[in-house]
Amino acid sequence: MDAPIDQVATERSSGTFIVLLVASFLGTQVLSYLDAGFILYWITVLGAALYVFRRPGEGIWVTFFALAITSLLYPISMSELGEPGAGEFRPYNVAIASMAGAMIFNLWLRRRRRLPLILLRRRSGTLKLVLALAGVFCLATICGDLSPMKAEALYVLQQSSAWISFFLFLWIGYKLALSPVEIEQSLERFHSAVLIYSLVFLGKFAYLNYDDGLRAATEFAWTQRMVLFFAGCSLVLIFARRLAPEGRSPTKSGWLSALIVVPAIVLSGSRGLTGAAFLTVFVLVASWRTRTLLRLSPILLVALVAVAFVLRSHSQLVEEYVVSKFLVTPDEDPSFVGRVAEMGAVIEALQRNPVLGSGTLASYMFFDPLFGWRESSFVDSGVGYLLLKTGLLGTGVFVLLVLSYLKVLRQLRQSVAAAALIPMVVFVFYLTFLVFGSAFFDPRYSWLVGILCGYILYLNKIYSEKTSLWVMEIGNQWKSKLS
């Protein structure tokens, strides 16, 4: 009788969870209309922080939920140059900091969850590279073109948080010592939150397009790119669970999820996000389903061209928004020209300071085709960010760290494939996004990859230690037999 009772309790819990998500996301629209969104915002942040403190294993989906609510209540606003104003209130930073504080407070009070001392005495090569990269960032900050002593404290905090957040959440993910079951359960709820958010996004986009026109709808989509980034991550995980050798066969719910998330990602208008998601899926298919990819590639190419041609002829939305974003030549794309100019300025700055770069507080000048010459501390490309802020030294250490992580993930895939699947796919998604943005070193995005990178280190410690103890036990048995 226990199994049916447990099943009923699980179904009730899932139903309550879905109702809570739907009510919360729809509540953002009602309260925003009544100019009372701040009530839901603070209830969400404080309630989520308390929940994460009590259940840190669910921090992934709760953090996403808090960011999604925040984004719907307070759409990200930028200046006409595409950058947040100096000293401007950023509610998403408060949400992320609250989640980090809740998990750290939990660790402080529950010291029994620390790793055994036998695991702490040995430091893997990957952990050493993490510490080396953190050291390079500290050195570049201190020795950069702009000294922390000469800059305003708020500016130093803003620029430093871009890289500190990654290392902070990596440490949290390592110290939480989460089990594969906790990660799996948190990701299941993460998927549910992404799907419901995507439905709300698509509904509001359609409403704005019908009521206020395409311009209002696309402006709304632009403000939601931060949260839609995680929708791209969720989409990649949906496909990975079906493509992996140990994965499950495609189901109706899986295809339905993809049909909901894909339009949301495309309508975001972010070529970086769309490109990273589909490139990651392509890499997974090429790795796990090579023969299938070779057979289907010509058919998929013809289908995509046909669909694009038909939609371009019959849909104003697709023609004026989607096609103009994704099917434009580079020489006609001011965004692409601007990114090329950014990288040119980064290369010039690197030539002046090749070892440590210009420092994490430094800014640079480049020619923007829309606004002319402008000065900025933000770099669109993740590779450009590393080269400008940390030079060849920091970029080289980061490359070594990535290779070390990939090696660890390969080893974990051979021993505990199911447990290593989620962190591996998320890690690869973030790597592909490096071409388009510095998600590893952006506090809006780095919390997820930071937690999972720490989780990878924890898994590696646990299973490598188990293997060492097993080898020692076998050796002792043989010694006793020989004696």
Protein backbone atom coordinates (compact mmCIF):
# COMPACT_ATOMS: atom_id res chain seq x y z
CA MET A 1 0.00 0.00 0.00
CA ASP A 2 2.97 2.36 0.49
CA ALA A 3 3.79 2.68 -3.20
CA PRO A 4 0.35 3.93 -4.30
CA ILE A 5 0.21 6.34 -1.36
CA ASP A 6 3.65 7.72 -2.23
CA GLN A 7 2.65 8.03 -5.87
CA VAL A 8 -0.52 9.95 -4.99
CA ALA A 9 1.47 12.27 -2.69
CA THR A 10 4.00 12.91 -5.46
CA GLU A 11 1.27 13.69 -7.98
CA ARG A 12 -0.40 16.10 -5.53
CA SER A 13 2.93 17.81 -4.89
CA SER A 14 3.56 18.15 -8.63
CA GLY A 15 0.07 19.51 -9.20
CA THR A 16 0.47 22.07 -6.43
CA PHE A 17 3.84 23.08 -7.85
CA ILE A 18 2.41 23.65 -11.34
CA VAL A 19 -0.51 25.66 -9.97
CA LEU A 20 1.91 27.83 -7.97
CA LEU A 21 4.02 28.50 -11.07
CA VAL A 22 1.04 29.38 -13.24
CA ALA A 23 -0.45 31.65 -10.57
CA SER A 24 2.87 33.41 -9.98
CA PHE A 25 3.67 34.05 -13.64
CA LEU A 26 0.14 35.25 -14.42
CA GLY A 27 0.19 37.33 -11.24
CA THR A 28 3.10 39.33 -12.61
CA GLN A 29 0.89 40.61 -15.41
CA VAL A 30 -2.01 41.51 -13.13
CA LEU A 31 0.13 43.28 -10.53
CA SER A 32 2.15 45.08 -13.19
CA TYR A 33 -1.10 46.46 -14.61
CA LEU A 34 -2.05 47.63 -11.10
CA ASP A 35 1.44 49.10 -10.49
CA ALA A 36 1.86 46.77 -7.51
CA GLY A 37 4.50 44.46 -8.92
CA PHE A 38 6.91 45.28 -6.10
CA ILE A 39 4.69 43.27 -3.72
CA LEU A 40 5.10 40.04 -5.69
CA TYR A 41 8.76 40.80 -6.30
CA TRP A 42 9.68 41.02 -2.62
CA ILE A 43 7.43 38.09 -1.69
CA THR A 44 9.18 36.02 -4.36
CA VAL A 45 12.73 37.02 -3.39
CA LEU A 46 12.25 36.60 0.36
CA GLY A 47 10.16 33.44 0.02
CA ALA A 48 12.61 31.90 -2.46
CA ALA A 49 15.57 32.71 -0.21
CA LEU A 50 13.87 31.05 2.76
CA TYR A 51 12.95 28.01 0.65
CA VAL A 52 16.52 27.65 -0.69
CA PHE A 53 17.92 27.98 2.83
CA ARG A 54 15.80 25.03 3.93
CA ARG A 55 16.27 23.03 0.69
CA PRO A 56 19.52 24.09 -0.99
CA GLY A 57 19.32 21.13 -3.35
CA GLU A 58 16.48 22.90 -5.18
CA GLY A 59 18.44 26.12 -5.62
CA ILE A 60 18.67 25.75 -9.41
CA TRP A 61 14.96 25.91 -10.22
CA VAL A 62 14.21 28.41 -7.44
CA THR A 63 16.88 30.81 -8.72
CA PHE A 64 15.47 30.57 -12.24
CA PHE A 65 11.94 31.09 -10.89
CA ALA A 66 13.03 34.23 -9.00
CA LEU A 67 14.76 35.60 -12.11
CA ALA A 68 11.74 34.86 -14.32
CA ILE A 69 9.37 36.65 -11.94
CA THR A 70 11.80 39.55 -11.68
CA SER A 71 12.16 39.80 -15.46
CA LEU A 72 8.40 39.86 -16.01
CA LEU A 73 7.88 42.48 -13.29
CA TYR A 74 10.94 44.60 -14.06
CA PRO A 75 11.95 44.12 -17.72
CA ILE A 76 15.64 44.82 -18.18
CA SER A 77 16.10 48.41 -19.31
CA MET A 78 19.19 49.62 -21.10
CA SER A 79 20.43 52.95 -22.32
CA GLU A 80 20.27 53.77 -26.02
CA LEU A 81 23.81 52.40 -26.25
CA GLY A 82 22.62 49.01 -25.01
CA GLU A 83 24.25 49.16 -21.59
CA PRO A 84 22.72 49.43 -18.09
CA GLY A 85 23.04 52.84 -16.53
CA ALA A 86 25.75 53.34 -13.89
CA GLY A 87 24.34 52.86 -10.41
CA GLU A 88 20.94 51.85 -11.76
CA PHE A 89 18.90 49.49 -9.56
CA ARG A 90 19.08 45.96 -10.96
CA PRO A 91 16.48 43.78 -9.26
CA TYR A 92 17.86 40.59 -10.80
CA ASN A 93 21.12 41.13 -8.91
CA VAL A 94 19.17 41.27 -5.65
CA ALA A 95 17.42 38.00 -6.53
CA ILE A 96 20.68 36.21 -7.37
CA ALA A 97 22.49 37.57 -4.31
CA SER A 98 19.59 36.43 -2.11
CA MET A 99 19.81 32.88 -3.45
CA ALA A 100 23.58 32.81 -2.97
CA GLY A 101 23.24 34.18 0.57
CA ALA A 102 20.60 31.56 1.46
CA MET A 103 22.81 28.69 0.28
CA ILE A 104 25.89 30.07 2.04
CA PHE A 105 23.93 30.54 5.27
CA ASN A 106 22.74 26.95 5.00
CA LEU A 107 26.33 25.76 4.63
CA TRP A 108 27.43 27.81 7.60
CA LEU A 109 24.75 26.36 9.87
CA ARG A 110 25.02 22.78 8.66
CA ARG A 111 28.72 22.09 8.90
CA ARG A 112 28.09 18.39 8.99
CA ARG A 113 27.66 18.52 5.23
CA ARG A 114 31.30 19.38 4.72
CA LEU A 115 33.33 16.92 2.76
CA PRO A 116 35.29 14.32 4.73
CA LEU A 117 38.81 15.40 5.56
CA ILE A 118 40.27 12.60 3.49
CA LEU A 119 38.76 14.30 0.42
CA LEU A 120 40.00 17.76 1.32
CA ARG A 121 43.62 16.77 1.66
CA ARG A 122 43.94 16.02 -2.04
CA ARG A 123 43.37 18.69 -4.65
CA SER A 124 42.71 17.60 -8.21
CA GLY A 125 44.35 19.29 -11.16
CA THR A 126 41.01 20.84 -12.12
CA LEU A 127 40.61 22.45 -8.71
CA LYS A 128 44.14 23.84 -8.93
CA LEU A 129 43.29 25.40 -12.30
CA VAL A 130 40.15 26.96 -10.79
CA LEU A 131 42.29 28.55 -8.10
CA ALA A 132 44.84 29.65 -10.70
CA LEU A 133 42.17 31.32 -12.82
CA ALA A 134 40.74 33.10 -9.78
CA GLY A 135 44.26 34.28 -8.95
CA VAL A 136 44.74 35.64 -12.48
CA PHE A 137 41.48 37.61 -12.24
CA CYS A 138 42.57 39.08 -8.90
CA LEU A 139 45.97 40.01 -10.31
CA ALA A 140 44.45 41.54 -13.45
CA THR A 141 42.05 43.59 -11.33
CA ILE A 142 44.83 44.97 -9.13
CA CYS A 143 47.40 45.56 -11.90
CA GLY A 144 45.04 46.66 -14.68
CA ASP A 145 44.89 49.99 -16.47
CA LEU A 146 42.41 51.28 -13.90
CA SER A 147 43.39 50.66 -10.28
CA PRO A 148 40.61 49.74 -7.80
CA MET A 149 41.93 52.51 -5.56
CA LYS A 150 41.23 55.15 -8.21
CA ALA A 151 37.82 53.95 -9.38
CA GLU A 152 34.49 54.49 -7.67
CA ALA A 153 33.53 51.75 -5.22
CA LEU A 154 30.22 51.03 -7.00
CA TYR A 155 31.99 50.66 -10.34
CA VAL A 156 34.57 48.29 -8.85
CA LEU A 157 31.81 46.20 -7.29
CA GLN A 158 29.87 46.09 -10.54
CA GLN A 159 32.82 45.02 -12.70
CA SER A 160 34.26 42.58 -10.15
CA SER A 161 30.93 40.84 -9.60
CA ALA A 162 31.08 39.72 -13.23
CA TRP A 163 33.82 37.19 -12.45
CA ILE A 164 33.43 36.75 -8.69
CA SER A 165 29.93 35.32 -9.18
CA PHE A 166 31.25 32.34 -11.17
CA PHE A 167 33.80 31.35 -8.54
CA LEU A 168 31.35 31.97 -5.69
CA PHE A 169 28.68 29.68 -7.14
CA LEU A 170 31.32 27.10 -8.06
CA TRP A 171 32.35 27.02 -4.40
CA ILE A 172 28.70 26.75 -3.36
CA GLY A 173 28.07 23.89 -5.78
CA TYR A 174 31.16 22.09 -4.50
CA LYS A 175 30.36 22.51 -0.80
CA LEU A 176 26.66 21.67 -1.04
CA ALA A 177 27.63 18.06 -1.84
CA LEU A 178 24.39 17.46 -3.72
CA SER A 179 23.40 13.97 -4.78
CA PRO A 180 22.52 13.07 -8.41
CA VAL A 181 18.91 12.58 -7.28
CA GLU A 182 18.74 16.15 -5.92
CA ILE A 183 20.18 17.55 -9.15
CA GLU A 184 17.74 15.51 -11.25
CA GLN A 185 14.73 16.61 -9.20
CA SER A 186 15.77 20.25 -9.29
CA LEU A 187 16.25 20.09 -13.07
CA GLU A 188 12.80 18.52 -13.52
CA ARG A 189 11.22 21.50 -11.76
CA PHE A 190 13.52 23.81 -13.70
CA HIS A 191 12.07 22.39 -16.93
CA SER A 192 8.51 22.87 -15.68
CA ALA A 193 9.21 26.49 -14.75
CA VAL A 194 10.81 27.11 -18.17
CA LEU A 195 7.81 25.67 -20.02
CA ILE A 196 5.24 27.73 -18.12
CA TYR A 197 7.35 30.88 -18.43
CA SER A 198 7.71 30.24 -22.19
CA LEU A 199 3.93 29.94 -22.54
CA VAL A 200 3.44 33.24 -20.69
CA PHE A 201 6.10 34.86 -22.87
CA LEU A 202 4.52 33.61 -26.10
CA GLY A 203 1.07 34.70 -24.93
CA LYS A 204 2.20 38.23 -24.08
CA PHE A 205 4.23 38.50 -27.29
CA ALA A 206 1.15 37.56 -29.32
CA TYR A 207 -1.04 39.99 -27.37
CA LEU A 208 1.38 42.89 -27.79
CA ASN A 209 1.84 42.12 -31.47
CA TYR A 210 -1.93 42.15 -32.00
CA ASP A 211 -2.77 45.13 -29.75
CA ASP A 212 0.25 47.45 -30.00
CA GLY A 213 2.10 46.23 -33.06
CA LEU A 214 5.25 44.29 -33.83
CA ARG A 215 7.58 46.92 -32.42
CA ALA A 216 6.09 46.68 -28.91
CA ALA A 217 6.22 42.88 -29.05
CA THR A 218 9.87 42.78 -30.12
CA GLU A 219 10.83 45.32 -27.47
CA PHE A 220 9.22 43.08 -24.85
CA ALA A 221 11.10 40.07 -26.26
CA TRP A 222 14.37 41.99 -26.01
CA THR A 223 13.80 42.64 -22.30
CA GLN A 224 13.30 38.91 -21.65
CA ARG A 225 16.55 37.63 -23.17
CA MET A 226 18.13 37.01 -19.77
CA VAL A 227 15.50 34.45 -18.79
CA LEU A 228 15.18 33.02 -22.31
CA PHE A 229 18.88 32.13 -22.10
CA PHE A 230 17.92 29.45 -19.58
CA ALA A 231 15.10 28.36 -21.87
CA GLY A 232 17.82 27.61 -24.42
CA CYS A 233 19.67 25.59 -21.80
CA SER A 234 16.46 23.69 -21.02
CA LEU A 235 15.91 22.96 -24.71
CA VAL A 236 19.39 21.48 -25.02
CA LEU A 237 18.75 19.24 -22.00
CA ILE A 238 15.45 18.06 -23.52
CA PHE A 239 17.26 16.82 -26.62
CA ALA A 240 20.25 15.48 -24.69
CA ARG A 241 18.10 13.18 -22.58
CA ARG A 242 16.75 11.62 -25.77
CA LEU A 243 20.01 11.53 -27.73
CA ALA A 244 22.35 10.19 -25.04
CA PRO A 245 23.16 6.44 -25.22
CA GLU A 246 21.51 5.95 -21.82
CA GLY A 247 18.69 8.36 -22.65
CA ARG A 248 15.01 7.64 -23.04
CA SER A 249 13.12 7.35 -26.32
CA PRO A 250 11.28 10.50 -27.47
CA THR A 251 7.87 11.01 -25.86
CA LYS A 252 4.91 13.23 -26.68
CA SER A 253 5.67 15.44 -23.68
CA GLY A 254 9.27 15.85 -24.85
CA TRP A 255 8.26 16.91 -28.34
CA LEU A 256 5.57 19.22 -26.93
CA SER A 257 8.14 20.85 -24.65
CA ALA A 258 10.43 21.47 -27.61
CA LEU A 259 7.56 22.93 -29.66
CA ILE A 260 6.91 25.42 -26.85
CA VAL A 261 10.49 26.40 -26.06
CA VAL A 262 11.84 26.69 -29.63
CA PRO A 263 9.45 29.52 -30.70
CA ALA A 264 10.20 31.39 -27.47
CA ILE A 265 13.94 31.21 -28.16
CA VAL A 266 13.57 32.28 -31.80
CA LEU A 267 11.22 35.15 -30.95
CA SER A 268 13.76 36.44 -28.43
CA GLY A 269 15.60 37.76 -31.47
CA SER A 270 18.92 36.71 -29.95
CA ARG A 271 21.10 35.10 -32.58
CA GLY A 272 23.65 34.24 -29.92
CA LEU A 273 21.14 32.30 -27.85
CA THR A 274 19.56 30.59 -30.86
CA GLY A 275 22.94 29.76 -32.37
CA ALA A 276 24.32 28.38 -29.10
CA ALA A 277 21.26 26.18 -28.54
CA PHE A 278 21.19 24.68 -32.02
CA LEU A 279 24.98 24.37 -32.21
CA THR A 280 25.00 22.44 -28.93
CA VAL A 281 22.26 20.11 -30.17
CA PHE A 282 24.24 19.61 -33.39
CA VAL A 283 27.36 18.69 -31.39
CA LEU A 284 25.36 16.19 -29.32
CA VAL A 285 23.79 14.64 -32.40
CA ALA A 286 27.17 14.42 -34.12
CA SER A 287 28.66 12.77 -31.03
CA TRP A 288 25.88 10.29 -30.26
CA ARG A 289 23.90 9.90 -33.50
CA THR A 290 26.39 10.41 -36.32
CA ARG A 291 24.72 8.06 -38.79
CA THR A 292 21.31 9.58 -38.14
CA LEU A 293 22.74 13.08 -38.71
CA LEU A 294 24.31 12.07 -42.03
CA ARG A 295 21.05 10.55 -43.25
CA LEU A 296 18.84 13.43 -42.16
CA SER A 297 21.08 16.43 -42.94
CA PRO A 298 20.02 16.88 -46.61
CA ILE A 299 16.33 16.46 -45.72
CA LEU A 300 16.54 18.92 -42.83
CA LEU A 301 18.38 21.48 -44.95
CA VAL A 302 15.77 21.35 -47.72
CA ALA A 303 12.95 21.53 -45.15
CA LEU A 304 14.45 24.58 -43.41
CA VAL A 305 14.94 26.42 -46.70
CA ALA A 306 11.37 25.61 -47.79
CA VAL A 307 9.86 26.71 -44.47
CA ALA A 308 11.87 29.94 -44.46
CA PHE A 309 10.76 30.71 -48.04
CA VAL A 310 7.08 30.05 -47.33
CA LEU A 311 7.05 31.99 -44.05
CA ARG A 312 8.89 34.90 -45.58
CA SER A 313 6.22 35.16 -48.25
CA HIS A 314 3.20 34.87 -45.96
CA SER A 315 4.07 36.19 -42.51
CA GLN A 316 4.78 39.81 -41.66
CA LEU A 317 6.09 38.81 -38.24
CA VAL A 318 8.60 36.37 -39.67
CA GLU A 319 9.59 38.64 -42.53
CA GLU A 320 10.08 41.82 -40.52
CA TYR A 321 11.49 40.27 -37.34
CA VAL A 322 12.74 36.70 -37.59
CA VAL A 323 14.08 36.80 -41.15
CA SER A 324 15.63 40.24 -40.67
CA LYS A 325 17.41 38.90 -37.60
CA PHE A 326 18.59 35.50 -38.75
CA LEU A 327 18.79 35.70 -42.56
CA VAL A 328 20.68 38.94 -43.03
CA THR A 329 24.11 39.16 -44.66
CA PRO A 330 27.01 40.24 -42.39
CA ASP A 331 27.75 43.43 -44.32
CA GLU A 332 24.12 44.57 -43.84
CA ASP A 333 24.04 43.70 -40.14
CA PRO A 334 25.13 46.61 -37.88
CA SER A 335 25.31 44.29 -34.88
CA PHE A 336 27.80 42.03 -36.63
CA VAL A 337 29.83 45.02 -37.82
CA GLY A 338 29.85 46.38 -34.28
CA ARG A 339 31.10 43.06 -32.86
CA VAL A 340 33.89 42.98 -35.44
CA ALA A 341 34.86 46.51 -34.38
CA GLU A 342 34.80 45.39 -30.73
CA MET A 343 37.18 42.51 -31.41
CA GLY A 344 39.47 44.83 -33.38
CA ALA A 345 39.66 47.15 -30.37
CA VAL A 346 40.24 44.16 -28.07
CA ILE A 347 43.17 42.99 -30.22
CA GLU A 348 44.70 46.48 -30.11
CA ALA A 349 44.34 46.58 -26.31
CA LEU A 350 45.86 43.08 -26.08
CA GLN A 351 48.90 44.19 -28.06
CA ARG A 352 49.56 46.88 -25.44
CA ASN A 353 49.12 44.49 -22.50
CA PRO A 354 49.53 40.93 -23.79
CA VAL A 355 50.12 39.10 -20.49
CA LEU A 356 47.38 40.32 -18.12
CA GLY A 357 45.32 42.41 -20.55
CA SER A 358 43.85 45.74 -19.56
CA GLY A 359 42.32 44.47 -16.31
CA THR A 360 38.75 43.73 -15.27
CA LEU A 361 38.00 47.40 -14.56
CA ALA A 362 39.26 48.70 -17.89
CA SER A 363 37.17 50.14 -20.71
CA TYR A 364 38.02 50.46 -24.40
CA MET A 365 37.05 52.52 -27.45
CA PHE A 366 35.53 51.13 -30.64
CA PHE A 367 33.46 52.37 -33.57
CA ASP A 368 29.80 51.43 -33.36
CA PRO A 369 28.04 51.66 -36.77
CA LEU A 370 24.85 52.88 -35.02
CA PHE A 371 26.30 55.36 -32.49
CA GLY A 372 29.79 56.16 -33.77
CA TRP A 373 32.81 56.10 -31.47
CA ARG A 374 31.94 54.95 -27.97
CA GLU A 375 33.66 53.83 -24.79
CA SER A 376 32.53 50.67 -23.04
CA SER A 377 33.66 48.17 -20.42
CA PHE A 378 31.32 45.48 -21.79
CA VAL A 379 32.46 42.95 -24.39
CA ASP A 380 29.86 40.95 -26.31
CA SER A 381 32.14 38.00 -27.03
CA GLY A 382 33.25 35.76 -24.17
CA VAL A 383 36.59 35.18 -25.87
CA GLY A 384 37.03 38.94 -26.28
CA TYR A 385 36.16 39.44 -22.62
CA LEU A 386 38.88 37.04 -21.48
CA LEU A 387 41.50 38.55 -23.80
CA LEU A 388 40.71 42.15 -22.83
CA LYS A 389 40.29 41.61 -19.09
CA THR A 390 42.91 38.92 -18.36
CA GLY A 391 45.18 38.81 -21.40
CA LEU A 392 46.85 35.72 -22.81
CA LEU A 393 47.60 34.40 -19.33
CA GLY A 394 43.98 34.34 -18.17
CA THR A 395 42.72 33.06 -21.53
CA GLY A 396 45.32 30.29 -21.50
CA VAL A 397 44.45 29.21 -17.96
CA PHE A 398 40.74 29.23 -18.85
CA VAL A 399 41.39 27.00 -21.88
CA LEU A 400 43.34 24.58 -19.69
CA LEU A 401 40.51 24.63 -17.16
CA VAL A 402 37.95 23.82 -19.88
CA LEU A 403 40.08 20.93 -21.16
CA SER A 404 40.48 19.64 -17.63
CA TYR A 405 36.73 19.78 -17.03
CA LEU A 406 36.05 17.96 -20.29
CA LYS A 407 38.50 15.25 -19.26
CA VAL A 408 36.82 14.88 -15.87
CA LEU A 409 33.39 14.75 -17.53
CA ARG A 410 34.58 12.05 -19.92
CA GLN A 411 35.81 9.98 -17.01
CA LEU A 412 32.55 10.47 -15.12
CA ARG A 413 30.56 9.52 -18.20
CA GLN A 414 32.42 6.20 -18.22
CA SER A 415 31.70 5.47 -14.55
CA VAL A 416 28.44 7.29 -13.72
CA ALA A 417 26.95 8.27 -17.07
CA ALA A 418 23.52 9.30 -15.80
CA ALA A 419 24.89 11.57 -13.06
CA ALA A 420 27.35 13.28 -15.42
CA LEU A 421 24.90 13.91 -18.29
CA ILE A 422 23.25 17.11 -17.02
CA PRO A 423 26.41 18.99 -15.95
CA MET A 424 28.18 17.95 -19.16
CA VAL A 425 25.41 19.24 -21.45
CA VAL A 426 25.08 22.54 -19.57
CA PHE A 427 28.85 23.00 -19.63
CA VAL A 428 28.97 22.44 -23.40
CA PHE A 429 26.06 24.87 -23.91
CA TYR A 430 27.92 27.58 -22.01
CA LEU A 431 31.06 26.87 -24.04
CA THR A 432 29.26 27.31 -27.35
CA PHE A 433 27.75 30.56 -26.07
CA LEU A 434 31.26 31.91 -25.42
CA VAL A 435 31.43 32.96 -29.07
CA PHE A 436 28.42 35.22 -28.53
CA GLY A 437 28.73 36.32 -24.89
CA SER A 438 30.68 35.94 -21.64
CA ALA A 439 28.05 33.89 -19.81
CA PHE A 440 30.74 32.29 -17.63
CA PHE A 441 31.54 35.75 -16.27
CA ASP A 442 28.17 37.48 -16.21
CA PRO A 443 26.34 37.34 -12.85
CA ARG A 444 22.99 37.00 -14.62
CA TYR A 445 24.02 33.67 -16.15
CA SER A 446 27.09 32.33 -14.37
CA TRP A 447 25.23 31.04 -11.29
CA LEU A 448 23.96 27.93 -13.11
CA VAL A 449 27.23 26.86 -14.71
CA GLY A 450 29.05 27.76 -11.48
CA ILE A 451 26.87 25.45 -9.36
CA LEU A 452 27.21 22.61 -11.85
CA CYS A 453 30.98 23.09 -12.19
CA GLY A 454 31.25 22.76 -8.42
CA TYR A 455 28.99 19.70 -8.57
CA ILE A 456 31.33 18.17 -11.19
CA LEU A 457 34.30 18.65 -8.86
CA TYR A 458 32.35 17.04 -6.03
CA LEU A 459 31.37 14.05 -8.16
CA ASN A 460 34.96 13.65 -9.31
CA LYS A 461 36.20 13.70 -5.71
CA ILE A 462 33.64 11.19 -4.53
CA TYR A 463 34.07 8.65 -7.30
CA SER A 464 37.84 9.01 -7.58
CA GLU A 465 38.08 8.47 -3.83
CA LYS A 466 35.80 5.44 -4.05
CA THR A 467 37.99 4.05 -6.82
CA SER A 468 41.16 4.66 -4.80
CA LEU A 469 39.68 2.97 -1.73
CA TRP A 470 38.54 0.03 -3.88
CA VAL A 471 42.03 -0.36 -5.38
CA MET A 472 43.60 -0.16 -1.91
CA GLU A 473 41.17 -2.79 -0.62
CA ILE A 474 41.99 -5.15 -3.52
CA GLY A 475 45.70 -4.59 -2.93
CA ASN A 476 45.39 -5.37 0.77
CA GLN A 477 43.48 -8.55 -0.02
CA TRP A 478 46.19 -9.71 -2.40
CA LYS A 479 48.88 -8.88 0.13
CA SER A 480 47.10 -10.91 2.79
CA LYS A 481 46.79 -13.86 0.39
CA LEU A 482 50.47 -13.71 -0.58
CA SER A 483 51.61 -13.50 3.04
